[in-house]
Amino acid sequence: MENQNTFLWEVTAWEFVFVTVILAGGAAYLTGRAIARTWQTNVTLIVYMLLLGCATRFIHFALFSGTLLSPYYYLIDFIVITAIAFLGKRLTRAGQMATQYSFEYRRSGSLGWARKD
């Protein structure tokens, strides 16, 4: 497979969507949910995403002949999976706040909560 080396992906767009968005993004979303359910900090989530970014680069390298030690594409993968992880955390946290503290908070959209009047 010939490398395309575009702004977001190194080999092909399909490979980027499959590995980074679907596989690693799914793992990142579930990690964000787990972090929210255990009430851990954002720093813990970022550490986990740094490790998941390494695993994502390895999958790009092993399956699709990508570059293993590419800081630029590692950063792209890290940004994408971290955004997905924070989305998972925020969705879960909004549900937690509205459910566990229903006497004080109500759900305000899918990503937020607000004080009751």
PDB file of N, CA and C in Angstrom:
ATOM      1  N   MET A   1       0.836  -1.166   0.000  1.00  0.00           N
ATOM      2  CA  MET A   1       0.000   0.000   0.000  1.00  0.00           C
ATOM      3  C   MET A   1       0.892   1.244   0.000  1.00  0.00           C
ATOM      4  N   GLU A   2       0.603   2.175  -0.825  1.00  0.00           N
ATOM      5  CA  GLU A   2       1.417   3.379  -0.937  1.00  0.00           C
ATOM      6  C   GLU A   2       0.912   4.455   0.020  1.00  0.00           C
ATOM      7  N   ASN A   3       1.817   5.086   0.731  1.00  0.00           N
ATOM      8  CA  ASN A   3       1.449   6.129   1.684  1.00  0.00           C
ATOM      9  C   ASN A   3       1.000   7.388   0.956  1.00  0.00           C
ATOM     10  N   GLN A   4      -0.110   7.961   1.437  1.00  0.00           N
ATOM     11  CA  GLN A   4      -0.617   9.197   0.863  1.00  0.00           C
ATOM     12  C   GLN A   4      -0.065  10.423   1.585  1.00  0.00           C
ATOM     13  N   ASN A   5       0.265  10.295   2.869  1.00  0.00           N
ATOM     14  CA  ASN A   5       0.819  11.372   3.682  1.00  0.00           C
ATOM     15  C   ASN A   5       0.054  12.685   3.534  1.00  0.00           C
ATOM     16  N   THR A   6      -1.205  12.678   3.956  1.00  0.00           N
ATOM     17  CA  THR A   6      -2.001  13.897   3.948  1.00  0.00           C
ATOM     18  C   THR A   6      -1.970  14.524   5.342  1.00  0.00           C
ATOM     19  N   PHE A   7      -2.765  15.544   5.531  1.00  0.00           N
ATOM     20  CA  PHE A   7      -2.806  16.262   6.800  1.00  0.00           C
ATOM     21  C   PHE A   7      -3.248  15.361   7.957  1.00  0.00           C
ATOM     22  N   LEU A   8      -4.270  14.515   7.745  1.00  0.00           N
ATOM     23  CA  LEU A   8      -4.807  13.689   8.831  1.00  0.00           C
ATOM     24  C   LEU A   8      -4.360  12.237   8.806  1.00  0.00           C
ATOM     25  N   TRP A   9      -4.143  11.671   7.643  1.00  0.00           N
ATOM     26  CA  TRP A   9      -3.809  10.258   7.608  1.00  0.00           C
ATOM     27  C   TRP A   9      -2.531  10.018   6.835  1.00  0.00           C
ATOM     28  N   GLU A  10      -1.925   8.908   7.187  1.00  0.00           N
ATOM     29  CA  GLU A  10      -0.627   8.585   6.616  1.00  0.00           C
ATOM     30  C   GLU A  10      -0.738   7.636   5.429  1.00  0.00           C
ATOM     31  N   VAL A  11      -1.597   6.654   5.509  1.00  0.00           N
ATOM     32  CA  VAL A  11      -1.702   5.656   4.441  1.00  0.00           C
ATOM     33  C   VAL A  11      -2.938   5.934   3.586  1.00  0.00           C
ATOM     34  N   THR A  12      -4.127   5.666   4.119  1.00  0.00           N
ATOM     35  CA  THR A  12      -5.378   5.952   3.394  1.00  0.00           C
ATOM     36  C   THR A  12      -6.405   6.504   4.375  1.00  0.00           C
ATOM     37  N   ALA A  13      -7.421   7.141   3.849  1.00  0.00           N
ATOM     38  CA  ALA A  13      -8.485   7.676   4.690  1.00  0.00           C
ATOM     39  C   ALA A  13      -9.249   6.542   5.360  1.00  0.00           C
ATOM     40  N   TRP A  14      -9.486   5.466   4.623  1.00  0.00           N
ATOM     41  CA  TRP A  14     -10.198   4.330   5.188  1.00  0.00           C
ATOM     42  C   TRP A  14      -9.448   3.748   6.380  1.00  0.00           C
ATOM     43  N   GLU A  15      -8.149   3.626   6.244  1.00  0.00           N
ATOM     44  CA  GLU A  15      -7.319   3.094   7.326  1.00  0.00           C
ATOM     45  C   GLU A  15      -7.384   4.011   8.550  1.00  0.00           C
ATOM     46  N   PHE A  16      -7.342   5.316   8.348  1.00  0.00           N
ATOM     47  CA  PHE A  16      -7.434   6.263   9.455  1.00  0.00           C
ATOM     48  C   PHE A  16      -8.780   6.144  10.163  1.00  0.00           C
ATOM     49  N   VAL A  17      -9.860   6.097   9.385  1.00  0.00           N
ATOM     50  CA  VAL A  17     -11.196   5.997   9.980  1.00  0.00           C
ATOM     51  C   VAL A  17     -11.339   4.678  10.726  1.00  0.00           C
ATOM     52  N   PHE A  18     -10.894   3.581  10.129  1.00  0.00           N
ATOM     53  CA  PHE A  18     -11.052   2.275  10.763  1.00  0.00           C
ATOM     54  C   PHE A  18     -10.242   2.162  12.047  1.00  0.00           C
ATOM     55  N   VAL A  19      -8.949   2.474  11.984  1.00  0.00           N
ATOM     56  CA  VAL A  19      -8.076   2.270  13.140  1.00  0.00           C
ATOM     57  C   VAL A  19      -8.256   3.374  14.180  1.00  0.00           C
ATOM     58  N   THR A  20      -8.137   4.623  13.769  1.00  0.00           N
ATOM     59  CA  THR A  20      -8.130   5.717  14.739  1.00  0.00           C
ATOM     60  C   THR A  20      -9.526   6.045  15.248  1.00  0.00           C
ATOM     61  N   VAL A  21     -10.482   6.180  14.344  1.00  0.00           N
ATOM     62  CA  VAL A  21     -11.804   6.630  14.766  1.00  0.00           C
ATOM     63  C   VAL A  21     -12.644   5.480  15.322  1.00  0.00           C
ATOM     64  N   ILE A  22     -12.692   4.346  14.611  1.00  0.00           N
ATOM     65  CA  ILE A  22     -13.571   3.263  15.051  1.00  0.00           C
ATOM     66  C   ILE A  22     -12.938   2.418  16.159  1.00  0.00           C
ATOM     67  N   LEU A  23     -11.758   1.849  15.916  1.00  0.00           N
ATOM     68  CA  LEU A  23     -11.145   0.973  16.914  1.00  0.00           C
ATOM     69  C   LEU A  23     -10.649   1.754  18.136  1.00  0.00           C
ATOM     70  N   ALA A  24      -9.713   2.672  17.913  1.00  0.00           N
ATOM     71  CA  ALA A  24      -9.159   3.421  19.044  1.00  0.00           C
ATOM     72  C   ALA A  24     -10.192   4.389  19.617  1.00  0.00           C
ATOM     73  N   GLY A  25     -11.039   4.953  18.769  1.00  0.00           N
ATOM     74  CA  GLY A  25     -12.078   5.851  19.262  1.00  0.00           C
ATOM     75  C   GLY A  25     -13.089   5.137  20.139  1.00  0.00           C
ATOM     76  N   GLY A  26     -13.436   3.914  19.776  1.00  0.00           N
ATOM     77  CA  GLY A  26     -14.330   3.124  20.622  1.00  0.00           C
ATOM     78  C   GLY A  26     -13.708   2.826  21.974  1.00  0.00           C
ATOM     79  N   ALA A  27     -12.440   2.455  21.969  1.00  0.00           N
ATOM     80  CA  ALA A  27     -11.733   2.212  23.229  1.00  0.00           C
ATOM     81  C   ALA A  27     -11.612   3.499  24.041  1.00  0.00           C
ATOM     82  N   ALA A  28     -11.383   4.606  23.373  1.00  0.00           N
ATOM     83  CA  ALA A  28     -11.270   5.892  24.067  1.00  0.00           C
ATOM     84  C   ALA A  28     -12.605   6.300  24.680  1.00  0.00           C
ATOM     85  N   TYR A  29     -13.691   6.093  23.957  1.00  0.00           N
ATOM     86  CA  TYR A  29     -15.020   6.421  24.470  1.00  0.00           C
ATOM     87  C   TYR A  29     -15.311   5.605  25.730  1.00  0.00           C
ATOM     88  N   LEU A  30     -15.022   4.311  25.677  1.00  0.00           N
ATOM     89  CA  LEU A  30     -15.256   3.461  26.842  1.00  0.00           C
ATOM     90  C   LEU A  30     -14.338   3.826  28.000  1.00  0.00           C
ATOM     91  N   THR A  31     -13.122   4.252  27.696  1.00  0.00           N
ATOM     92  CA  THR A  31     -12.213   4.707  28.743  1.00  0.00           C
ATOM     93  C   THR A  31     -12.739   5.974  29.395  1.00  0.00           C
ATOM     94  N   GLY A  32     -13.258   6.893  28.589  1.00  0.00           N
ATOM     95  CA  GLY A  32     -13.859   8.108  29.139  1.00  0.00           C
ATOM     96  C   GLY A  32     -15.043   7.805  30.038  1.00  0.00           C
ATOM     97  N   ARG A  33     -15.856   6.854  29.641  1.00  0.00           N
ATOM     98  CA  ARG A  33     -16.980   6.438  30.484  1.00  0.00           C
ATOM     99  C   ARG A  33     -16.499   5.843  31.791  1.00  0.00           C
ATOM    100  N   ALA A  34     -15.466   5.004  31.726  1.00  0.00           N
ATOM    101  CA  ALA A  34     -14.932   4.380  32.940  1.00  0.00           C
ATOM    102  C   ALA A  34     -14.336   5.426  33.887  1.00  0.00           C
ATOM    103  N   ILE A  35     -13.640   6.397  33.319  1.00  0.00           N
ATOM    104  CA  ILE A  35     -13.065   7.471  34.136  1.00  0.00           C
ATOM    105  C   ILE A  35     -14.178   8.264  34.821  1.00  0.00           C
ATOM    106  N   ALA A  36     -15.259   8.538  34.110  1.00  0.00           N
ATOM    107  CA  ALA A  36     -16.372   9.282  34.693  1.00  0.00           C
ATOM    108  C   ALA A  36     -17.061   8.461  35.781  1.00  0.00           C
ATOM    109  N   ARG A  37     -17.259   7.189  35.542  1.00  0.00           N
ATOM    110  CA  ARG A  37     -17.948   6.339  36.530  1.00  0.00           C
ATOM    111  C   ARG A  37     -17.148   6.168  37.811  1.00  0.00           C
ATOM    112  N   THR A  38     -15.841   6.236  37.728  1.00  0.00           N
ATOM    113  CA  THR A  38     -15.006   6.093  38.924  1.00  0.00           C
ATOM    114  C   THR A  38     -14.584   7.441  39.485  1.00  0.00           C
ATOM    115  N   TRP A  39     -15.085   8.530  38.932  1.00  0.00           N
ATOM    116  CA  TRP A  39     -14.849   9.893  39.395  1.00  0.00           C
ATOM    117  C   TRP A  39     -13.362  10.226  39.436  1.00  0.00           C
ATOM    118  N   GLN A  40     -12.617   9.785  38.426  1.00  0.00           N
ATOM    119  CA  GLN A  40     -11.198  10.108  38.351  1.00  0.00           C
ATOM    120  C   GLN A  40     -10.991  11.421  37.607  1.00  0.00           C
ATOM    121  N   THR A  41      -9.763  11.911  37.645  1.00  0.00           N
ATOM    122  CA  THR A  41      -9.472  13.240  37.091  1.00  0.00           C
ATOM    123  C   THR A  41      -9.187  13.185  35.588  1.00  0.00           C
ATOM    124  N   ASN A  42      -9.143  14.371  34.986  1.00  0.00           N
ATOM    125  CA  ASN A  42      -8.802  14.488  33.571  1.00  0.00           C
ATOM    126  C   ASN A  42      -7.356  14.098  33.306  1.00  0.00           C
ATOM    127  N   VAL A  43      -6.489  14.286  34.286  1.00  0.00           N
ATOM    128  CA  VAL A  43      -5.083  13.913  34.121  1.00  0.00           C
ATOM    129  C   VAL A  43      -4.965  12.406  33.904  1.00  0.00           C
ATOM    130  N   THR A  44      -5.732  11.637  34.646  1.00  0.00           N
ATOM    131  CA  THR A  44      -5.735  10.187  34.479  1.00  0.00           C
ATOM    132  C   THR A  44      -6.201   9.813  33.081  1.00  0.00           C
ATOM    133  N   LEU A  45      -7.226  10.492  32.603  1.00  0.00           N
ATOM    134  CA  LEU A  45      -7.731  10.224  31.259  1.00  0.00           C
ATOM    135  C   LEU A  45      -6.673  10.535  30.204  1.00  0.00           C
ATOM    136  N   ILE A  46      -5.952  11.621  30.359  1.00  0.00           N
ATOM    137  CA  ILE A  46      -4.915  11.982  29.385  1.00  0.00           C
ATOM    138  C   ILE A  46      -3.780  10.960  29.395  1.00  0.00           C
ATOM    139  N   VAL A  47      -3.399  10.479  30.574  1.00  0.00           N
ATOM    140  CA  VAL A  47      -2.354   9.444  30.650  1.00  0.00           C
ATOM    141  C   VAL A  47      -2.798   8.191  29.901  1.00  0.00           C
ATOM    142  N   TYR A  48      -4.047   7.797  30.106  1.00  0.00           N
ATOM    143  CA  TYR A  48      -4.560   6.623  29.386  1.00  0.00           C
ATOM    144  C   TYR A  48      -4.596   6.852  27.876  1.00  0.00           C
ATOM    145  N   MET A  49      -4.916   8.071  27.457  1.00  0.00           N
ATOM    146  CA  MET A  49      -4.959   8.363  26.024  1.00  0.00           C
ATOM    147  C   MET A  49      -3.556   8.406  25.417  1.00  0.00           C
ATOM    148  N   LEU A  50      -2.551   8.818  26.191  1.00  0.00           N
ATOM    149  CA  LEU A  50      -1.171   8.745  25.706  1.00  0.00           C
ATOM    150  C   LEU A  50      -0.777   7.297  25.414  1.00  0.00           C
ATOM    151  N   LEU A  51      -1.164   6.398  26.309  1.00  0.00           N
ATOM    152  CA  LEU A  51      -0.870   4.973  26.104  1.00  0.00           C
ATOM    153  C   LEU A  51      -1.679   4.395  24.940  1.00  0.00           C
ATOM    154  N   LEU A  52      -2.945   4.775  24.849  1.00  0.00           N
ATOM    155  CA  LEU A  52      -3.769   4.298  23.738  1.00  0.00           C
ATOM    156  C   LEU A  52      -3.271   4.842  22.408  1.00  0.00           C
ATOM    157  N   GLY A  53      -2.730   6.053  22.415  1.00  0.00           N
ATOM    158  CA  GLY A  53      -2.138   6.615  21.204  1.00  0.00           C
ATOM    159  C   GLY A  53      -0.950   5.786  20.729  1.00  0.00           C
ATOM    160  N   CYS A  54      -0.146   5.292  21.671  1.00  0.00           N
ATOM    161  CA  CYS A  54       0.980   4.410  21.306  1.00  0.00           C
ATOM    162  C   CYS A  54       0.471   3.120  20.676  1.00  0.00           C
ATOM    163  N   ALA A  55      -0.566   2.551  21.265  1.00  0.00           N
ATOM    164  CA  ALA A  55      -1.139   1.326  20.712  1.00  0.00           C
ATOM    165  C   ALA A  55      -1.741   1.573  19.324  1.00  0.00           C
ATOM    166  N   THR A  56      -2.344   2.725  19.144  1.00  0.00           N
ATOM    167  CA  THR A  56      -2.920   3.075  17.846  1.00  0.00           C
ATOM    168  C   THR A  56      -1.837   3.204  16.780  1.00  0.00           C
ATOM    169  N   ARG A  57      -0.735   3.861  17.122  1.00  0.00           N
ATOM    170  CA  ARG A  57       0.379   3.964  16.171  1.00  0.00           C
ATOM    171  C   ARG A  57       0.933   2.585  15.830  1.00  0.00           C
ATOM    172  N   PHE A  58       0.982   1.693  16.803  1.00  0.00           N
ATOM    173  CA  PHE A  58       1.471   0.343  16.529  1.00  0.00           C
ATOM    174  C   PHE A  58       0.543  -0.388  15.564  1.00  0.00           C
ATOM    175  N   ILE A  59      -0.754  -0.229  15.718  1.00  0.00           N
ATOM    176  CA  ILE A  59      -1.694  -0.879  14.790  1.00  0.00           C
ATOM    177  C   ILE A  59      -1.531  -0.298  13.389  1.00  0.00           C
ATOM    178  N   HIS A  60      -1.367   1.003  13.270  1.00  0.00           N
ATOM    179  CA  HIS A  60      -1.097   1.611  11.958  1.00  0.00           C
ATOM    180  C   HIS A  60       0.166   0.999  11.342  1.00  0.00           C
ATOM    181  N   PHE A  61       1.185   0.831  12.160  1.00  0.00           N
ATOM    182  CA  PHE A  61       2.465   0.293  11.698  1.00  0.00           C
ATOM    183  C   PHE A  61       2.351  -1.193  11.331  1.00  0.00           C
ATOM    184  N   ALA A  62       1.765  -1.982  12.193  1.00  0.00           N
ATOM    185  CA  ALA A  62       1.743  -3.433  12.003  1.00  0.00           C
ATOM    186  C   ALA A  62       0.798  -3.879  10.892  1.00  0.00           C
ATOM    187  N   LEU A  63      -0.334  -3.237  10.778  1.00  0.00           N
ATOM    188  CA  LEU A  63      -1.329  -3.697   9.812  1.00  0.00           C
ATOM    189  C   LEU A  63      -1.306  -2.957   8.486  1.00  0.00           C
ATOM    190  N   PHE A  64      -0.915  -1.686   8.502  1.00  0.00           N
ATOM    191  CA  PHE A  64      -1.053  -0.868   7.299  1.00  0.00           C
ATOM    192  C   PHE A  64       0.241  -0.210   6.843  1.00  0.00           C
ATOM    193  N   SER A  65       1.371  -0.677   7.323  1.00  0.00           N
ATOM    194  CA  SER A  65       2.689  -0.170   6.921  1.00  0.00           C
ATOM    195  C   SER A  65       2.858   1.326   7.172  1.00  0.00           C
ATOM    196  N   GLY A  66       2.276   1.798   8.253  1.00  0.00           N
ATOM    197  CA  GLY A  66       2.475   3.183   8.642  1.00  0.00           C
ATOM    198  C   GLY A  66       3.805   3.329   9.369  1.00  0.00           C
ATOM    199  N   THR A  67       4.132   4.544   9.732  1.00  0.00           N
ATOM    200  CA  THR A  67       5.363   4.806  10.460  1.00  0.00           C
ATOM    201  C   THR A  67       5.098   4.633  11.949  1.00  0.00           C
ATOM    202  N   LEU A  68       5.923   3.832  12.608  1.00  0.00           N
ATOM    203  CA  LEU A  68       5.729   3.582  14.031  1.00  0.00           C
ATOM    204  C   LEU A  68       6.063   4.816  14.859  1.00  0.00           C
ATOM    205  N   LEU A  69       7.207   5.403  14.621  1.00  0.00           N
ATOM    206  CA  LEU A  69       7.673   6.545  15.421  1.00  0.00           C
ATOM    207  C   LEU A  69       7.520   7.844  14.644  1.00  0.00           C
ATOM    208  N   SER A  70       6.283   8.227  14.424  1.00  0.00           N
ATOM    209  CA  SER A  70       5.984   9.468  13.724  1.00  0.00           C
ATOM    210  C   SER A  70       5.311  10.429  14.704  1.00  0.00           C
ATOM    211  N   PRO A  71       6.044  11.419  15.214  1.00  0.00           N
ATOM    212  CA  PRO A  71       5.445  12.328  16.196  1.00  0.00           C
ATOM    213  C   PRO A  71       4.224  13.083  15.667  1.00  0.00           C
ATOM    214  N   TYR A  72       4.248  13.463  14.398  1.00  0.00           N
ATOM    215  CA  TYR A  72       3.126  14.221  13.838  1.00  0.00           C
ATOM    216  C   TYR A  72       1.845  13.382  13.821  1.00  0.00           C
ATOM    217  N   TYR A  73       1.924  12.163  13.272  1.00  0.00           N
ATOM    218  CA  TYR A  73       0.725  11.334  13.188  1.00  0.00           C
ATOM    219  C   TYR A  73       0.315  10.786  14.552  1.00  0.00           C
ATOM    220  N   TYR A  74       1.286  10.635  15.468  1.00  0.00           N
ATOM    221  CA  TYR A  74       0.942  10.280  16.843  1.00  0.00           C
ATOM    222  C   TYR A  74       0.107  11.400  17.461  1.00  0.00           C
ATOM    223  N   LEU A  75       0.509  12.639  17.239  1.00  0.00           N
ATOM    224  CA  LEU A  75      -0.228  13.774  17.777  1.00  0.00           C
ATOM    225  C   LEU A  75      -1.643  13.849  17.195  1.00  0.00           C
ATOM    226  N   ILE A  76      -1.770  13.599  15.893  1.00  0.00           N
ATOM    227  CA  ILE A  76      -3.098  13.587  15.261  1.00  0.00           C
ATOM    228  C   ILE A  76      -3.975  12.505  15.891  1.00  0.00           C
ATOM    229  N   ASP A  77      -3.432  11.288  16.019  1.00  0.00           N
ATOM    230  CA  ASP A  77      -4.184  10.197  16.642  1.00  0.00           C
ATOM    231  C   ASP A  77      -4.553  10.541  18.079  1.00  0.00           C
ATOM    232  N   PHE A  78      -3.599  11.112  18.815  1.00  0.00           N
ATOM    233  CA  PHE A  78      -3.836  11.471  20.210  1.00  0.00           C
ATOM    234  C   PHE A  78      -4.954  12.507  20.329  1.00  0.00           C
ATOM    235  N   ILE A  79      -4.954  13.508  19.482  1.00  0.00           N
ATOM    236  CA  ILE A  79      -5.988  14.546  19.537  1.00  0.00           C
ATOM    237  C   ILE A  79      -7.366  13.956  19.247  1.00  0.00           C
ATOM    238  N   VAL A  80      -7.446  13.100  18.231  1.00  0.00           N
ATOM    239  CA  VAL A  80      -8.733  12.504  17.864  1.00  0.00           C
ATOM    240  C   VAL A  80      -9.268  11.621  18.985  1.00  0.00           C
ATOM    241  N   ILE A  81      -8.441  10.722  19.509  1.00  0.00           N
ATOM    242  CA  ILE A  81      -8.943   9.803  20.535  1.00  0.00           C
ATOM    243  C   ILE A  81      -9.191  10.526  21.860  1.00  0.00           C
ATOM    244  N   THR A  82      -8.424  11.576  22.152  1.00  0.00           N
ATOM    245  CA  THR A  82      -8.670  12.330  23.379  1.00  0.00           C
ATOM    246  C   THR A  82      -9.996  13.081  23.296  1.00  0.00           C
ATOM    247  N   ALA A  83     -10.312  13.627  22.144  1.00  0.00           N
ATOM    248  CA  ALA A  83     -11.609  14.302  21.976  1.00  0.00           C
ATOM    249  C   ALA A  83     -12.759  13.312  22.156  1.00  0.00           C
ATOM    250  N   ILE A  84     -12.619  12.124  21.608  1.00  0.00           N
ATOM    251  CA  ILE A  84     -13.660  11.103  21.762  1.00  0.00           C
ATOM    252  C   ILE A  84     -13.765  10.665  23.218  1.00  0.00           C
ATOM    253  N   ALA A  85     -12.626  10.538  23.903  1.00  0.00           N
ATOM    254  CA  ALA A  85     -12.634  10.133  25.308  1.00  0.00           C
ATOM    255  C   ALA A  85     -13.320  11.179  26.186  1.00  0.00           C
ATOM    256  N   PHE A  86     -13.024  12.458  25.941  1.00  0.00           N
ATOM    257  CA  PHE A  86     -13.673  13.508  26.722  1.00  0.00           C
ATOM    258  C   PHE A  86     -15.166  13.589  26.418  1.00  0.00           C
ATOM    259  N   LEU A  87     -15.563  13.264  25.195  1.00  0.00           N
ATOM    260  CA  LEU A  87     -16.986  13.196  24.870  1.00  0.00           C
ATOM    261  C   LEU A  87     -17.657  12.091  25.685  1.00  0.00           C
ATOM    262  N   GLY A  88     -17.043  10.920  25.738  1.00  0.00           N
ATOM    263  CA  GLY A  88     -17.589   9.825  26.542  1.00  0.00           C
ATOM    264  C   GLY A  88     -17.664  10.175  28.010  1.00  0.00           C
ATOM    265  N   LYS A  89     -16.641  10.854  28.506  1.00  0.00           N
ATOM    266  CA  LYS A  89     -16.639  11.252  29.916  1.00  0.00           C
ATOM    267  C   LYS A  89     -17.733  12.271  30.195  1.00  0.00           C
ATOM    268  N   ARG A  90     -17.869  13.235  29.325  1.00  0.00           N
ATOM    269  CA  ARG A  90     -18.850  14.300  29.546  1.00  0.00           C
ATOM    270  C   ARG A  90     -20.287  13.774  29.470  1.00  0.00           C
ATOM    271  N   LEU A  91     -20.562  12.890  28.504  1.00  0.00           N
ATOM    272  CA  LEU A  91     -21.902  12.298  28.407  1.00  0.00           C
ATOM    273  C   LEU A  91     -22.243  11.519  29.669  1.00  0.00           C
ATOM    274  N   THR A  92     -21.291  10.740  30.145  1.00  0.00           N
ATOM    275  CA  THR A  92     -21.522   9.939  31.351  1.00  0.00           C
ATOM    276  C   THR A  92     -21.649  10.831  32.578  1.00  0.00           C
ATOM    277  N   ARG A  93     -20.799  11.830  32.691  1.00  0.00           N
ATOM    278  CA  ARG A  93     -20.846  12.719  33.857  1.00  0.00           C
ATOM    279  C   ARG A  93     -22.147  13.500  33.908  1.00  0.00           C
ATOM    280  N   ALA A  94     -22.668  13.927  32.781  1.00  0.00           N
ATOM    281  CA  ALA A  94     -23.942  14.647  32.760  1.00  0.00           C
ATOM    282  C   ALA A  94     -25.063  13.751  33.280  1.00  0.00           C
ATOM    283  N   GLY A  95     -25.049  12.499  32.869  1.00  0.00           N
ATOM    284  CA  GLY A  95     -26.041  11.554  33.385  1.00  0.00           C
ATOM    285  C   GLY A  95     -25.882  11.304  34.867  1.00  0.00           C
ATOM    286  N   GLN A  96     -24.640  11.212  35.322  1.00  0.00           N
ATOM    287  CA  GLN A  96     -24.383  11.006  36.751  1.00  0.00           C
ATOM    288  C   GLN A  96     -24.894  12.180  37.583  1.00  0.00           C
ATOM    289  N   MET A  97     -24.586  13.365  37.154  1.00  0.00           N
ATOM    290  CA  MET A  97     -24.987  14.547  37.921  1.00  0.00           C
ATOM    291  C   MET A  97     -26.511  14.661  37.996  1.00  0.00           C
ATOM    292  N   ALA A  98     -27.181  14.360  36.896  1.00  0.00           N
ATOM    293  CA  ALA A  98     -28.640  14.458  36.873  1.00  0.00           C
ATOM    294  C   ALA A  98     -29.298  13.330  37.654  1.00  0.00           C
ATOM    295  N   THR A  99     -28.651  12.183  37.724  1.00  0.00           N
ATOM    296  CA  THR A  99     -29.242  11.036  38.418  1.00  0.00           C
ATOM    297  C   THR A  99     -28.872  11.024  39.901  1.00  0.00           C
ATOM    298  N   GLN A 100     -27.598  11.120  40.209  1.00  0.00           N
ATOM    299  CA  GLN A 100     -27.152  10.995  41.595  1.00  0.00           C
ATOM    300  C   GLN A 100     -27.433  12.241  42.423  1.00  0.00           C
ATOM    301  N   TYR A 101     -27.466  13.384  41.785  1.00  0.00           N
ATOM    302  CA  TYR A 101     -27.742  14.628  42.486  1.00  0.00           C
ATOM    303  C   TYR A 101     -29.000  15.268  41.932  1.00  0.00           C
ATOM    304  N   SER A 102     -30.050  14.463  41.769  1.00  0.00           N
ATOM    305  CA  SER A 102     -31.287  14.949  41.153  1.00  0.00           C
ATOM    306  C   SER A 102     -31.995  15.980  42.011  1.00  0.00           C
ATOM    307  N   PHE A 103     -31.673  16.052  43.294  1.00  0.00           N
ATOM    308  CA  PHE A 103     -32.276  17.058  44.155  1.00  0.00           C
ATOM    309  C   PHE A 103     -31.728  18.461  43.860  1.00  0.00           C
ATOM    310  N   GLU A 104     -30.562  18.541  43.217  1.00  0.00           N
ATOM    311  CA  GLU A 104     -29.963  19.851  42.951  1.00  0.00           C
ATOM    312  C   GLU A 104     -29.763  20.137  41.464  1.00  0.00           C
ATOM    313  N   TYR A 105     -29.555  19.097  40.639  1.00  0.00           N
ATOM    314  CA  TYR A 105     -29.241  19.293  39.227  1.00  0.00           C
ATOM    315  C   TYR A 105     -30.257  18.606  38.333  1.00  0.00           C
ATOM    316  N   ARG A 106     -30.408  19.169  37.147  1.00  0.00           N
ATOM    317  CA  ARG A 106     -31.220  18.547  36.097  1.00  0.00           C
ATOM    318  C   ARG A 106     -30.369  18.471  34.845  1.00  0.00           C
ATOM    319  N   ARG A 107     -30.759  17.605  33.945  1.00  0.00           N
ATOM    320  CA  ARG A 107     -30.029  17.460  32.692  1.00  0.00           C
ATOM    321  C   ARG A 107     -30.282  18.674  31.817  1.00  0.00           C
ATOM    322  N   SER A 108     -29.250  19.214  31.230  1.00  0.00           N
ATOM    323  CA  SER A 108     -29.376  20.375  30.345  1.00  0.00           C
ATOM    324  C   SER A 108     -28.700  20.015  29.026  1.00  0.00           C
ATOM    325  N   GLY A 109     -29.433  19.381  28.145  1.00  0.00           N
ATOM    326  CA  GLY A 109     -28.859  18.888  26.898  1.00  0.00           C
ATOM    327  C   GLY A 109     -28.166  17.555  27.138  1.00  0.00           C
ATOM    328  N   SER A 110     -27.534  17.037  26.121  1.00  0.00           N
ATOM    329  CA  SER A 110     -26.904  15.727  26.270  1.00  0.00           C
ATOM    330  C   SER A 110     -25.533  15.811  26.933  1.00  0.00           C
ATOM    331  N   LEU A 111     -24.894  16.979  26.926  1.00  0.00           N
ATOM    332  CA  LEU A 111     -23.550  17.101  27.486  1.00  0.00           C
ATOM    333  C   LEU A 111     -23.480  17.933  28.761  1.00  0.00           C
ATOM    334  N   GLY A 112     -24.595  18.420  29.252  1.00  0.00           N
ATOM    335  CA  GLY A 112     -24.508  19.313  30.388  1.00  0.00           C
ATOM    336  C   GLY A 112     -25.558  19.069  31.448  1.00  0.00           C
ATOM    337  N   TRP A 113     -25.418  19.795  32.532  1.00  0.00           N
ATOM    338  CA  TRP A 113     -26.371  19.783  33.609  1.00  0.00           C
ATOM    339  C   TRP A 113     -26.467  21.196  34.159  1.00  0.00           C
ATOM    340  N   ALA A 114     -27.583  21.467  34.822  1.00  0.00           N
ATOM    341  CA  ALA A 114     -27.799  22.809  35.364  1.00  0.00           C
ATOM    342  C   ALA A 114     -28.491  22.698  36.714  1.00  0.00           C
ATOM    343  N   ARG A 115     -28.342  23.724  37.526  1.00  0.00           N
ATOM    344  CA  ARG A 115     -29.021  23.742  38.838  1.00  0.00           C
ATOM    345  C   ARG A 115     -30.522  23.878  38.632  1.00  0.00           C
ATOM    346  N   LYS A 116     -31.251  23.205  39.505  1.00  0.00           N
ATOM    347  CA  LYS A 116     -32.700  23.360  39.468  1.00  0.00           C
ATOM    348  C   LYS A 116     -33.096  24.695  40.055  1.00  0.00           C
ATOM    349  N   ASP A 117     -34.179  25.231  39.552  1.00  0.00           N
ATOM    350  CA  ASP A 117     -34.650  26.524  40.056  1.00  0.00           C
ATOM    351  C   ASP A 117     -35.458  26.379  41.319  1.00  0.00           C
TER     352      ASP A 117
END
